[in-house]
N, C-alpha and C. Protein backbone atom coordinates (compact mmCIF):
# COMPACT_ATOMS: atom_id res chain seq x y z
N MET A 1 1.06 -1.21 -0.22
CA MET A 1 -0.12 -0.39 -0.25
C MET A 1 0.68 1.18 0.18
N CYS A 2 0.22 2.08 -0.66
CA CYS A 2 1.30 3.52 -0.38
C CYS A 2 0.52 4.55 0.34
N SER A 3 1.51 5.40 0.51
CA SER A 3 1.47 6.39 2.11
C SER A 3 0.32 7.45 1.20
N ILE A 4 -0.30 8.40 2.25
CA ILE A 4 -1.03 9.08 1.47
C ILE A 4 -0.75 10.41 0.46
N GLU A 5 0.23 10.56 1.25
CA GLU A 5 1.35 11.53 0.43
C GLU A 5 1.68 11.15 -1.46
N SER A 6 2.22 9.95 -0.89
CA SER A 6 2.58 9.23 -2.82
C SER A 6 1.46 8.87 -3.28
N LYS A 7 0.57 8.78 -2.68
CA LYS A 7 -1.06 8.40 -3.61
C LYS A 7 -1.31 9.74 -4.10
N ASP A 8 -1.54 10.31 -3.36
CA ASP A 8 -2.00 11.83 -3.43
C ASP A 8 -0.88 12.24 -5.31
N ILE A 9 0.60 12.26 -5.02
CA ILE A 9 1.61 12.69 -5.98
C ILE A 9 0.92 11.45 -7.34
N LEU A 10 1.18 10.62 -7.30
CA LEU A 10 0.98 9.68 -8.34
C LEU A 10 -0.36 9.99 -8.89
N ILE A 11 -2.02 10.10 -8.24
CA ILE A 11 -2.97 10.75 -8.80
C ILE A 11 -3.19 11.91 -9.18
N SER A 12 -2.31 12.79 -9.08
CA SER A 12 -1.61 13.86 -9.74
C SER A 12 -1.37 13.73 -11.32
N PHE A 13 -0.11 12.75 -11.06
CA PHE A 13 0.84 12.79 -12.04
C PHE A 13 0.00 11.89 -12.80
N LEU A 14 -1.16 10.87 -13.12
CA LEU A 14 -1.74 10.05 -13.24
C LEU A 14 -3.08 11.21 -14.53
N ASN A 15 -3.68 11.90 -13.40
CA ASN A 15 -4.22 12.67 -14.57
C ASN A 15 -3.89 13.99 -15.02
N SER A 16 -2.66 14.20 -15.00
CA SER A 16 -2.37 15.48 -15.95
C SER A 16 -1.82 14.73 -17.23
N LEU A 17 -1.44 13.70 -17.33
CA LEU A 17 -0.34 12.82 -18.29
C LEU A 17 -1.32 11.70 -19.00
N VAL A 18 -2.39 11.46 -18.41
CA VAL A 18 -3.39 10.17 -19.11
C VAL A 18 -4.42 10.50 -19.07
N TYR A 19 -5.31 11.39 -18.11
CA TYR A 19 -6.77 11.88 -18.10
C TYR A 19 -7.01 13.53 -18.21
N ASN A 20 -5.33 14.37 -18.71
CA ASN A 20 -5.62 15.82 -19.04
C ASN A 20 -6.56 16.03 -20.12
N ASP A 21 -6.94 14.97 -21.25
CA ASP A 21 -8.27 15.63 -22.08
C ASP A 21 -9.26 15.13 -21.95
N SER A 22 -9.65 14.48 -20.85
CA SER A 22 -10.49 13.57 -21.00
C SER A 22 -11.53 14.56 -19.09
N ASN A 23 -12.97 14.22 -19.68
CA ASN A 23 -13.87 14.48 -17.90
C ASN A 23 -13.47 14.18 -16.99
N VAL A 24 -13.08 12.88 -17.15
CA VAL A 24 -12.85 11.53 -16.22
C VAL A 24 -11.61 11.83 -15.62
N LYS A 25 -11.43 12.15 -14.09
CA LYS A 25 -10.61 12.21 -13.18
C LYS A 25 -10.07 11.11 -12.11
N ILE A 26 -9.31 10.83 -11.60
CA ILE A 26 -8.73 9.78 -10.57
C ILE A 26 -8.84 10.84 -9.66
N LYS A 27 -9.92 9.53 -8.48
CA LYS A 27 -10.17 10.38 -7.33
C LYS A 27 -9.61 9.50 -6.61
N ASP A 28 -9.21 8.41 -6.45
CA ASP A 28 -8.30 7.50 -5.53
C ASP A 28 -7.81 6.37 -6.31
N LEU A 29 -6.58 6.00 -5.28
CA LEU A 29 -5.78 4.30 -6.23
C LEU A 29 -6.38 3.55 -5.39
N ASP A 30 -6.22 2.06 -5.74
CA ASP A 30 -6.91 1.32 -5.11
C ASP A 30 -5.20 0.44 -4.43
N ARG A 31 -4.59 0.43 -5.11
CA ARG A 31 -2.94 0.02 -4.59
C ARG A 31 -1.85 0.56 -5.99
N VAL A 32 -0.76 0.64 -5.66
CA VAL A 32 0.45 1.13 -6.20
C VAL A 32 1.34 -0.18 -5.71
N ASP A 33 1.89 -0.42 -6.62
CA ASP A 33 3.29 -1.90 -6.52
C ASP A 33 3.90 -1.87 -7.57
N PRO A 34 5.43 -1.42 -7.49
CA PRO A 34 5.81 -1.67 -6.04
C PRO A 34 6.38 -0.34 -5.79
N TYR A 35 6.40 0.66 -6.44
CA TYR A 35 7.12 1.65 -5.78
C TYR A 35 6.07 2.87 -5.92
N ASN A 36 6.67 3.97 -6.10
CA ASN A 36 5.78 5.32 -5.22
C ASN A 36 5.29 5.91 -6.71
N ILE A 37 5.99 6.44 -7.55
CA ILE A 37 6.01 7.05 -8.53
C ILE A 37 7.60 7.13 -9.25
N PRO A 38 7.50 7.47 -10.85
CA PRO A 38 8.74 7.36 -11.30
C PRO A 38 9.07 8.66 -10.64
N MET A 39 10.96 8.41 -10.39
CA MET A 39 10.93 10.03 -10.12
C MET A 39 12.37 10.27 -11.12
N ILE A 40 13.51 9.21 -11.04
CA ILE A 40 14.27 10.04 -12.19
C ILE A 40 14.79 9.30 -13.07
N LYS A 41 15.06 9.94 -14.13
CA LYS A 41 14.66 9.30 -15.42
C LYS A 41 15.98 8.13 -15.85
N ASP A 42 17.02 7.99 -15.06
CA ASP A 42 17.98 7.17 -15.38
C ASP A 42 17.81 5.94 -14.72
N THR A 43 16.70 5.49 -14.06
CA THR A 43 16.60 4.68 -13.67
C THR A 43 15.40 4.03 -14.32
N PHE A 44 15.60 2.14 -13.90
CA PHE A 44 14.00 1.69 -14.95
C PHE A 44 12.88 1.68 -13.56
N VAL A 45 11.70 2.12 -13.62
CA VAL A 45 11.09 2.24 -12.71
C VAL A 45 9.79 1.84 -13.46
N ASP A 46 9.03 0.50 -12.72
CA ASP A 46 7.66 0.00 -13.18
C ASP A 46 6.96 0.14 -12.25
N VAL A 47 5.66 0.59 -12.07
CA VAL A 47 4.53 1.08 -11.21
C VAL A 47 3.30 0.76 -11.74
N LYS A 48 2.55 -0.38 -11.28
CA LYS A 48 0.86 -0.39 -11.71
C LYS A 48 -0.12 -0.51 -10.54
N ALA A 49 -0.74 0.90 -11.37
CA ALA A 49 -2.07 1.39 -10.54
C ALA A 49 -3.24 0.68 -10.56
N PHE A 50 -3.67 -0.10 -9.58
CA PHE A 50 -5.55 0.53 -9.54
C PHE A 50 -5.88 1.42 -9.33
N LEU A 51 -7.24 1.65 -10.37
CA LEU A 51 -7.77 2.76 -10.06
C LEU A 51 -8.79 2.35 -9.87
N ASP A 52 -9.59 3.33 -9.13
CA ASP A 52 -11.09 2.69 -8.29
C ASP A 52 -12.07 2.83 -9.61
N ASN A 53 -11.95 2.99 -10.63
CA ASN A 53 -13.14 2.36 -11.98
C ASN A 53 -12.43 0.82 -12.58
N ASN A 54 -11.44 0.68 -11.68
CA ASN A 54 -10.68 -1.06 -12.07
C ASN A 54 -9.90 -0.87 -13.41
N THR A 55 -9.81 0.32 -13.63
CA THR A 55 -8.53 0.51 -14.41
C THR A 55 -7.00 -0.05 -14.27
N THR A 56 -6.46 -0.77 -14.90
CA THR A 56 -5.07 -1.16 -14.56
C THR A 56 -4.15 -0.14 -15.23
N VAL A 57 -3.19 0.64 -14.58
CA VAL A 57 -2.31 1.70 -15.15
C VAL A 57 -0.71 1.06 -14.98
N ILE A 58 -0.11 0.88 -16.12
CA ILE A 58 1.25 0.53 -16.07
C ILE A 58 2.10 1.57 -16.30
N ILE A 59 3.18 1.79 -15.60
CA ILE A 59 3.79 3.35 -15.54
C ILE A 59 5.48 2.35 -15.69
N GLU A 60 6.22 2.66 -16.85
CA GLU A 60 7.36 2.43 -16.84
C GLU A 60 8.39 3.51 -17.69
N MET A 61 9.41 3.38 -16.91
CA MET A 61 10.31 4.06 -17.88
C MET A 61 11.58 3.33 -17.93
N GLN A 62 11.78 3.87 -19.75
CA GLN A 62 12.66 3.18 -20.37
C GLN A 62 13.72 4.33 -20.91
N VAL A 63 15.07 4.20 -20.24
CA VAL A 63 16.17 5.08 -20.96
C VAL A 63 16.53 4.74 -22.30
N LEU A 64 17.38 3.26 -21.95
CA LEU A 64 17.31 2.78 -23.52
C LEU A 64 16.53 2.29 -24.84
N ASN A 65 16.86 2.32 -26.10
CA ASN A 65 15.68 1.69 -26.93
C ASN A 65 16.39 0.28 -27.10
N HIS A 66 15.99 -0.58 -26.75
CA HIS A 66 16.45 -2.06 -27.03
C HIS A 66 15.93 -2.53 -27.49
N LYS A 67 16.18 -3.48 -28.46
CA LYS A 67 15.25 -3.96 -29.71
C LYS A 67 14.39 -5.01 -28.62
N GLY A 68 12.89 -4.88 -29.57
CA GLY A 68 11.69 -5.34 -29.14
C GLY A 68 11.12 -4.49 -27.91
N PHE A 69 11.28 -3.23 -27.89
CA PHE A 69 10.61 -2.66 -26.50
C PHE A 69 9.50 -2.19 -27.11
N GLU A 70 9.06 -1.94 -28.45
CA GLU A 70 7.24 -2.04 -28.87
C GLU A 70 6.86 -2.88 -28.42
N LYS A 71 7.49 -4.16 -28.68
CA LYS A 71 6.54 -5.10 -28.71
C LYS A 71 6.75 -5.54 -27.13
N ARG A 72 7.52 -4.95 -26.47
CA ARG A 72 7.38 -5.81 -25.04
C ARG A 72 5.94 -4.90 -24.10
N VAL A 73 6.12 -3.90 -24.86
CA VAL A 73 5.24 -2.83 -24.05
C VAL A 73 3.64 -3.34 -24.88
N LEU A 74 3.54 -3.51 -25.61
CA LEU A 74 2.35 -4.34 -26.17
C LEU A 74 2.08 -5.52 -25.32
N TYR A 75 2.97 -6.52 -25.58
CA TYR A 75 2.67 -7.78 -24.57
C TYR A 75 2.21 -7.43 -23.21
N ASN A 76 3.09 -6.89 -22.62
CA ASN A 76 2.63 -6.77 -20.97
C ASN A 76 1.54 -5.87 -21.09
N ALA A 77 1.05 -5.06 -21.66
CA ALA A 77 -0.56 -4.63 -22.02
C ALA A 77 -1.60 -5.51 -22.12
N ALA A 78 -0.94 -6.82 -22.73
CA ALA A 78 -2.15 -7.49 -23.41
C ALA A 78 -1.96 -9.02 -22.26
N LYS A 79 -1.41 -9.12 -21.99
CA LYS A 79 -0.75 -10.04 -20.73
C LYS A 79 -1.87 -9.47 -19.52
N ASN A 80 -1.21 -8.02 -19.35
CA ASN A 80 -2.23 -7.51 -17.99
C ASN A 80 -3.76 -8.22 -18.19
N TYR A 81 -4.41 -7.36 -19.32
CA TYR A 81 -5.52 -7.73 -20.00
C TYR A 81 -6.30 -8.95 -20.09
N SER A 82 -5.29 -9.88 -20.16
CA SER A 82 -5.81 -11.07 -20.08
C SER A 82 -5.91 -12.25 -18.60
N VAL A 83 -4.49 -11.75 -18.16
CA VAL A 83 -4.80 -12.29 -16.94
C VAL A 83 -5.89 -12.07 -16.22
N GLN A 84 -7.00 -11.18 -15.96
CA GLN A 84 -7.62 -10.68 -15.37
C GLN A 84 -8.56 -11.70 -14.97
N LEU A 85 -8.92 -12.86 -16.47
CA LEU A 85 -9.92 -13.88 -16.27
C LEU A 85 -9.54 -15.14 -15.53
N ASN A 86 -10.00 -15.61 -14.66
CA ASN A 86 -9.68 -17.20 -14.82
C ASN A 86 -10.88 -18.19 -15.91
N LYS A 87 -10.49 -19.32 -15.64
CA LYS A 87 -11.79 -20.15 -16.78
C LYS A 87 -13.01 -20.22 -16.26
N SER A 88 -13.93 -19.97 -17.44
CA SER A 88 -15.31 -20.07 -17.15
C SER A 88 -16.05 -18.76 -17.02
N GLU A 89 -14.82 -17.53 -16.88
CA GLU A 89 -15.40 -16.25 -15.95
C GLU A 89 -16.03 -15.37 -17.38
N ASP A 90 -16.72 -14.81 -17.47
CA ASP A 90 -17.44 -13.62 -18.57
C ASP A 90 -16.13 -13.00 -18.98
N TYR A 91 -16.26 -12.55 -20.43
CA TYR A 91 -15.35 -11.55 -20.94
C TYR A 91 -15.68 -9.96 -20.83
N HIS A 92 -17.12 -9.54 -20.23
CA HIS A 92 -17.40 -8.74 -20.04
C HIS A 92 -16.95 -8.23 -18.51
N LEU A 93 -16.35 -9.10 -18.15
CA LEU A 93 -15.38 -8.55 -16.72
C LEU A 93 -14.44 -8.07 -17.01
N LEU A 94 -13.76 -8.08 -18.15
CA LEU A 94 -12.32 -7.55 -18.28
C LEU A 94 -12.37 -6.03 -17.91
N ASN A 95 -11.48 -5.34 -17.42
CA ASN A 95 -11.09 -4.19 -17.36
C ASN A 95 -10.05 -3.57 -17.97
N PRO A 96 -10.27 -2.21 -18.52
CA PRO A 96 -9.09 -1.40 -19.55
C PRO A 96 -7.76 -1.67 -18.49
N VAL A 97 -6.89 -1.73 -19.19
CA VAL A 97 -5.39 -1.33 -18.96
C VAL A 97 -4.47 -0.55 -20.20
N ILE A 98 -3.95 0.30 -19.24
CA ILE A 98 -2.96 1.52 -19.81
C ILE A 98 -1.62 1.45 -19.85
N ALA A 99 -0.73 1.07 -20.64
CA ALA A 99 0.70 1.12 -20.38
C ALA A 99 1.22 2.71 -20.54
N LEU A 100 1.57 3.48 -19.56
CA LEU A 100 2.02 4.94 -19.79
C LEU A 100 3.55 4.33 -19.76
N SER A 101 4.73 4.29 -21.10
CA SER A 101 5.84 4.58 -21.26
C SER A 101 6.52 5.93 -21.15
N ILE A 102 7.39 5.81 -20.48
CA ILE A 102 8.33 7.58 -20.83
C ILE A 102 9.45 7.10 -20.99
N VAL A 103 9.79 7.44 -21.99
CA VAL A 103 11.17 7.18 -22.44
C VAL A 103 12.03 8.37 -23.36
N ASP A 104 13.41 7.75 -22.71
CA ASP A 104 14.65 8.87 -22.89
C ASP A 104 15.07 8.75 -24.34
N PHE A 105 14.81 8.30 -25.16
CA PHE A 105 15.09 8.66 -26.94
C PHE A 105 13.58 8.71 -27.27
N THR A 106 13.61 8.96 -28.44
CA THR A 106 12.77 9.60 -30.13
C THR A 106 12.67 7.87 -30.52
N MET A 107 11.27 7.77 -29.96
CA MET A 107 10.64 6.63 -30.58
C MET A 107 9.61 6.78 -32.51
N PHE A 108 9.55 8.12 -32.34
CA PHE A 108 8.41 8.26 -33.46
C PHE A 108 9.38 9.33 -34.13
N GLU A 109 10.12 9.57 -35.24
CA GLU A 109 11.21 10.44 -36.19
C GLU A 109 10.13 11.07 -36.73
N ASP A 110 8.71 10.48 -37.43
CA ASP A 110 8.01 11.45 -38.38
C ASP A 110 7.03 12.10 -37.48
N ASN A 111 7.04 11.80 -35.99
CA ASN A 111 5.86 12.49 -35.40
C ASN A 111 6.35 13.90 -34.32
N GLU A 112 6.24 15.18 -34.32
CA GLU A 112 6.75 15.97 -33.54
C GLU A 112 5.86 16.15 -31.98
N ASN A 113 5.10 14.97 -31.99
CA ASN A 113 4.35 14.58 -30.52
C ASN A 113 5.14 14.77 -29.74
N ILE A 114 5.02 15.46 -28.62
CA ILE A 114 5.38 14.16 -27.20
C ILE A 114 5.14 13.11 -27.05
N ILE A 115 4.07 13.50 -26.69
CA ILE A 115 2.87 12.31 -26.07
C ILE A 115 2.04 11.61 -27.14
N ASN A 116 2.35 10.42 -27.60
CA ASN A 116 1.51 9.74 -28.68
C ASN A 116 0.40 8.69 -27.97
N ARG A 117 -0.61 8.27 -28.48
CA ARG A 117 -1.69 7.70 -28.16
C ARG A 117 -2.31 6.68 -28.86
N PHE A 118 -2.20 5.20 -28.34
CA PHE A 118 -2.64 4.20 -29.49
C PHE A 118 -3.46 3.46 -29.34
N LYS A 119 -4.50 3.35 -29.49
CA LYS A 119 -5.76 2.29 -29.59
C LYS A 119 -6.29 1.44 -30.87
N LEU A 120 -6.65 1.25 -30.90
CA LEU A 120 -7.77 -0.21 -31.47
C LEU A 120 -8.73 0.49 -32.34
N ILE A 121 -8.50 1.04 -33.46
CA ILE A 121 -9.38 1.54 -34.47
C ILE A 121 -9.54 0.79 -35.86
N GLU A 122 -10.05 1.60 -36.83
CA GLU A 122 -10.47 1.01 -37.94
C GLU A 122 -8.96 2.23 -38.71
N LYS A 123 -8.46 1.30 -39.75
CA LYS A 123 -7.71 1.55 -40.90
C LYS A 123 -7.94 2.94 -41.37
N ASP A 124 -8.80 2.34 -42.23
CA ASP A 124 -9.78 3.55 -43.11
C ASP A 124 -9.86 4.97 -42.68
N THR A 125 -11.44 4.32 -41.48
CA THR A 125 -12.42 5.56 -40.87
C THR A 125 -12.06 6.00 -39.92
N PHE A 126 -11.14 5.33 -39.41
CA PHE A 126 -10.54 5.48 -37.55
C PHE A 126 -12.18 5.38 -36.58
N ILE A 127 -13.07 4.56 -36.91
CA ILE A 127 -13.59 3.90 -36.37
C ILE A 127 -13.56 3.14 -34.93
N ASN A 128 -13.55 3.65 -33.78
CA ASN A 128 -13.13 3.01 -32.49
C ASN A 128 -13.48 1.50 -32.42
N TYR A 129 -12.51 0.41 -32.32
CA TYR A 129 -13.44 -0.94 -31.71
C TYR A 129 -13.15 -0.93 -30.52
N ASN A 130 -12.11 -0.56 -29.95
CA ASN A 130 -12.53 -1.13 -28.59
C ASN A 130 -11.34 0.26 -27.51
N ASP A 131 -11.71 0.63 -26.04
CA ASP A 131 -11.04 0.91 -25.24
C ASP A 131 -10.13 0.66 -24.57
N ASP A 132 -10.27 -0.73 -24.23
CA ASP A 132 -10.25 -1.76 -23.14
C ASP A 132 -8.12 -1.65 -22.98
N ILE A 133 -7.15 -1.38 -24.28
CA ILE A 133 -6.63 -1.13 -24.21
C ILE A 133 -5.45 -0.40 -24.81
N GLU A 134 -4.77 0.34 -23.90
CA GLU A 134 -4.55 1.82 -24.63
C GLU A 134 -3.01 1.81 -23.89
N LEU A 135 -1.90 2.17 -24.97
CA LEU A 135 -0.70 2.58 -24.91
C LEU A 135 -0.34 4.23 -25.17
N ILE A 136 0.07 4.54 -24.49
CA ILE A 136 0.58 6.24 -24.31
C ILE A 136 2.21 6.16 -24.21
N PHE A 137 3.10 6.97 -25.21
CA PHE A 137 4.79 6.98 -25.11
C PHE A 137 4.50 8.34 -25.06
N ILE A 138 5.64 8.77 -23.91
CA ILE A 138 5.77 10.08 -23.88
C ILE A 138 7.23 10.21 -24.00
N GLU A 139 7.98 11.20 -25.10
CA GLU A 139 9.36 10.87 -25.32
C GLU A 139 10.19 12.29 -25.08
N LEU A 140 10.44 12.17 -23.75
CA LEU A 140 11.63 12.91 -23.03
C LEU A 140 11.96 13.78 -24.06
N PRO A 141 13.10 13.54 -24.94
CA PRO A 141 13.70 14.54 -25.61
C PRO A 141 13.07 15.12 -26.70
N LYS A 142 12.33 14.95 -26.98
CA LYS A 142 11.39 15.97 -27.53
C LYS A 142 10.42 17.25 -26.99
N PHE A 143 11.14 17.14 -25.45
CA PHE A 143 10.35 18.23 -24.57
C PHE A 143 11.47 19.31 -24.56
N LYS A 144 11.64 20.44 -25.17
CA LYS A 144 12.31 20.93 -24.71
C LYS A 144 12.18 22.63 -24.17
N LYS A 145 10.71 22.62 -23.68
CA LYS A 145 10.65 23.89 -22.40
C LYS A 145 11.26 24.10 -21.26
N SER A 146 11.94 25.36 -21.68
CA SER A 146 12.44 25.73 -20.27
C SER A 146 11.40 25.74 -19.12
N LEU A 147 11.86 26.18 -17.87
CA LEU A 147 11.17 26.32 -16.48
C LEU A 147 10.52 27.53 -16.62
N HIS A 148 10.31 28.61 -17.09
CA HIS A 148 9.67 29.69 -17.34
C HIS A 148 8.59 29.72 -18.76
N GLU A 149 9.04 28.57 -19.25
CA GLU A 149 7.64 28.20 -20.62
C GLU A 149 6.55 27.24 -20.53
N LEU A 150 6.70 26.62 -18.90
CA LEU A 150 5.84 25.43 -18.72
C LEU A 150 4.29 26.54 -18.80
N GLN A 151 3.43 26.06 -19.26
CA GLN A 151 2.31 25.90 -19.19
C GLN A 151 1.30 25.69 -18.31
N ASP A 152 1.03 24.43 -18.31
CA ASP A 152 0.05 23.53 -17.59
C ASP A 152 0.95 22.58 -16.92
N ILE A 153 -0.01 21.72 -15.93
CA ILE A 153 0.54 20.73 -14.68
C ILE A 153 1.47 19.39 -15.66
N LYS A 154 0.67 19.49 -17.36
CA LYS A 154 0.91 18.23 -17.97
C LYS A 154 2.18 18.26 -18.29
N GLU A 155 2.57 19.71 -18.20
CA GLU A 155 4.30 20.27 -19.21
C GLU A 155 5.23 20.26 -17.66
N GLN A 156 4.61 20.43 -16.90
CA GLN A 156 5.30 20.53 -15.49
C GLN A 156 5.92 19.37 -14.89
N TRP A 157 4.48 18.01 -15.24
CA TRP A 157 5.44 16.73 -14.83
C TRP A 157 6.31 16.00 -15.83
N ILE A 158 6.50 16.84 -16.97
CA ILE A 158 7.17 16.21 -18.07
C ILE A 158 8.77 16.80 -17.56
N TYR A 159 8.44 18.06 -17.34
CA TYR A 159 9.42 18.95 -17.09
C TYR A 159 10.34 18.16 -15.55
N PHE A 160 9.45 17.93 -14.83
CA PHE A 160 9.58 17.61 -13.75
C PHE A 160 10.43 15.75 -14.02
N VAL A 161 9.72 15.25 -15.05
CA VAL A 161 10.55 14.11 -15.02
C VAL A 161 11.98 13.79 -15.33
N LYS A 162 12.05 14.58 -16.78
CA LYS A 162 13.12 14.87 -17.44
C LYS A 162 14.45 14.81 -16.48
N ASN A 163 13.84 16.45 -15.83
CA ASN A 163 14.92 17.33 -15.21
C ASN A 163 15.39 17.00 -13.55
N ALA A 164 14.47 15.77 -12.75
CA ALA A 164 14.06 15.88 -11.36
C ALA A 164 15.75 15.65 -11.37
N GLY A 165 16.29 14.81 -11.71
CA GLY A 165 18.14 14.28 -11.30
C GLY A 165 19.05 15.14 -11.24
N SER A 166 18.65 16.58 -12.12
CA SER A 166 19.47 17.15 -12.20
C SER A 166 19.34 19.07 -11.89
N LEU A 167 17.77 18.78 -11.21
CA LEU A 167 17.69 20.33 -10.50
C LEU A 167 18.15 20.71 -8.84
N GLU A 168 19.31 21.82 -9.34
CA GLU A 168 19.55 21.95 -7.97
C GLU A 168 18.84 22.83 -6.57
N TYR A 169 17.28 22.61 -7.19
CA TYR A 169 16.64 23.45 -5.80
C TYR A 169 15.06 23.23 -6.57
N ILE A 170 14.40 23.22 -5.54
CA ILE A 170 12.94 22.98 -5.88
C ILE A 170 12.33 24.74 -6.88
N PRO A 171 11.79 24.31 -7.50
CA PRO A 171 11.28 25.68 -8.35
C PRO A 171 9.92 26.04 -7.61
N GLN A 172 9.68 27.72 -7.58
CA GLN A 172 8.34 27.69 -6.41
C GLN A 172 7.52 27.83 -7.39
N ASN A 173 7.41 27.80 -8.54
CA ASN A 173 5.98 27.78 -9.64
C ASN A 173 5.54 26.81 -9.75
N LEU A 174 6.24 25.45 -9.80
CA LEU A 174 5.79 23.96 -9.64
C LEU A 174 4.82 23.66 -8.76
N ASP A 175 3.41 23.17 -9.69
CA ASP A 175 2.15 22.41 -8.36
C ASP A 175 2.84 22.08 -6.66
N SER A 176 1.92 22.10 -6.26
CA SER A 176 2.52 21.53 -5.09
C SER A 176 3.01 20.10 -4.69
N HIS A 177 2.29 19.47 -5.70
CA HIS A 177 2.17 17.43 -6.07
C HIS A 177 4.05 18.00 -6.29
N ILE A 178 4.04 18.01 -7.59
CA ILE A 178 5.26 17.87 -8.10
C ILE A 178 6.53 18.95 -6.78
N LYS A 179 6.08 19.82 -6.68
CA LYS A 179 7.24 20.13 -4.92
C LYS A 179 7.68 18.56 -4.63
N LEU A 180 6.10 18.37 -3.75
CA LEU A 180 6.45 17.08 -2.60
C LEU A 180 7.47 16.17 -3.14
N ALA A 181 7.18 15.49 -4.60
CA ALA A 181 8.03 14.84 -5.27
C ALA A 181 9.14 15.06 -5.24
N LEU A 182 9.88 16.07 -5.86
CA LEU A 182 11.04 16.86 -5.37
C LEU A 182 12.10 16.65 -4.14
N GLU A 183 10.79 17.07 -3.15
CA GLU A 183 11.41 16.69 -1.61
C GLU A 183 11.72 15.41 -1.22
N ASN A 184 10.75 14.11 -1.74
CA ASN A 184 10.92 13.06 -1.31
C ASN A 184 12.23 12.38 -2.15
N ILE A 185 12.79 13.24 -3.47
CA ILE A 185 13.57 12.52 -3.99
C ILE A 185 14.92 13.02 -3.40
N ASN A 186 14.93 14.47 -2.69
CA ASN A 186 15.80 15.14 -1.71
C ASN A 186 16.55 14.25 -0.85
N GLU A 187 15.19 13.63 0.36
CA GLU A 187 15.39 13.17 1.28
C GLU A 187 15.83 11.93 1.00
N ALA A 188 15.63 11.54 -0.18
CA ALA A 188 16.11 9.93 -0.71
C ALA A 188 17.54 10.07 -0.75
N ASN A 189 17.57 10.91 -1.90
CA ASN A 189 19.67 10.99 -2.34
C ASN A 189 19.87 11.66 -1.05
N LEU A 190 19.85 12.14 0.11
CA LEU A 190 20.25 12.14 1.45
C LEU A 190 20.25 11.28 2.34
N ALA A 191 19.43 10.26 2.15
CA ALA A 191 19.11 9.52 3.00
C ALA A 191 20.69 8.18 2.75
N LYS A 192 20.71 8.36 1.23
CA LYS A 192 21.59 7.39 0.18
C LYS A 192 23.03 7.66 0.69
N GLU A 193 23.42 9.11 0.74
CA GLU A 193 24.70 9.66 1.22
C GLU A 193 24.58 9.59 2.73
N GLU A 194 24.06 9.36 3.56
CA GLU A 194 23.81 8.94 5.13
C GLU A 194 24.16 7.26 5.23
N LEU A 195 24.01 6.92 4.29
CA LEU A 195 23.89 4.88 4.54
C LEU A 195 25.57 5.19 3.57
N GLU A 196 25.76 5.92 3.01
CA GLU A 196 27.21 5.56 2.13
C GLU A 196 28.38 6.02 3.18
N ALA A 197 27.89 7.45 4.23
CA ALA A 197 28.80 7.62 4.87
C ALA A 197 28.80 6.52 6.31
N GLN A 198 27.91 6.25 6.89
CA GLN A 198 27.67 5.15 7.45
C GLN A 198 28.87 3.68 7.37
N HIS A 199 28.36 3.42 6.16
CA HIS A 199 29.09 2.11 5.62
C HIS A 199 30.88 2.52 5.95
N LYS A 200 31.53 3.76 5.26
CA LYS A 200 32.59 4.24 5.59
C LYS A 200 33.30 3.88 6.17
N ARG A 201 32.58 4.57 7.30
CA ARG A 201 33.09 4.39 8.92
C ARG A 201 33.15 3.15 9.38
N ASP A 202 32.09 2.33 9.25
CA ASP A 202 31.89 1.16 9.82
C ASP A 202 33.13 0.35 9.13
N THR A 203 33.42 0.57 7.98
CA THR A 203 34.51 -0.46 7.07
C THR A 203 35.92 -0.26 7.77
N ASN A 204 35.95 1.18 8.01
CA ASN A 204 37.24 2.33 8.34
C ASN A 204 37.54 1.65 9.91
N LYS A 205 36.33 1.11 10.94
CA LYS A 205 36.49 0.67 12.04
C LYS A 205 37.44 -0.59 12.07
N PHE A 206 37.38 -1.01 10.83
CA PHE A 206 38.06 -2.66 10.89
C PHE A 206 38.91 -2.86 9.78
N ASN A 207 39.61 -1.56 9.48
CA ASN A 207 40.83 -1.58 8.72
C ASN A 207 42.22 -0.89 9.83
């Protein structure tokens, strides 16, 4: 289970990046596993959020463009969709799955969009077949805005994910949830430094 603070951070994160253009907004999360929120762009982080409308959101951060990455994203989304049913259960019990991939490389060279969303649609007339599986890709290299150019919370979150590891201070013009996420990063980094210092002291005692 996640803490109240980390739950609020993740709700803000998902609302801005997944549901920004929708009238539907997340009000609660049932469970977050195994981490609270993607924090620093040079680490591999996987988060699975179970929303109050029974939608599963898989959040993954990918630094390197490994061969077959696109297929793996689709496979993971389809697997999370299919494992919901036991034998003899009806198909109408299946709940939507969203795979949100934040990548530190360019996937779609001919597309300037920072965020690309994919669903099952008819190829010629674009008739929507089903909304149950959605793939969302955020390409960080395409995001060029500086801090003072940010226009909304979606851009603030993308800026945060791209720059969180290099920010030397917490900008005051960011949303409160993003500032809290930055504070959590600073505390985590401080704790890591303290642990390393303690380890060095303990090692020196026996040398």
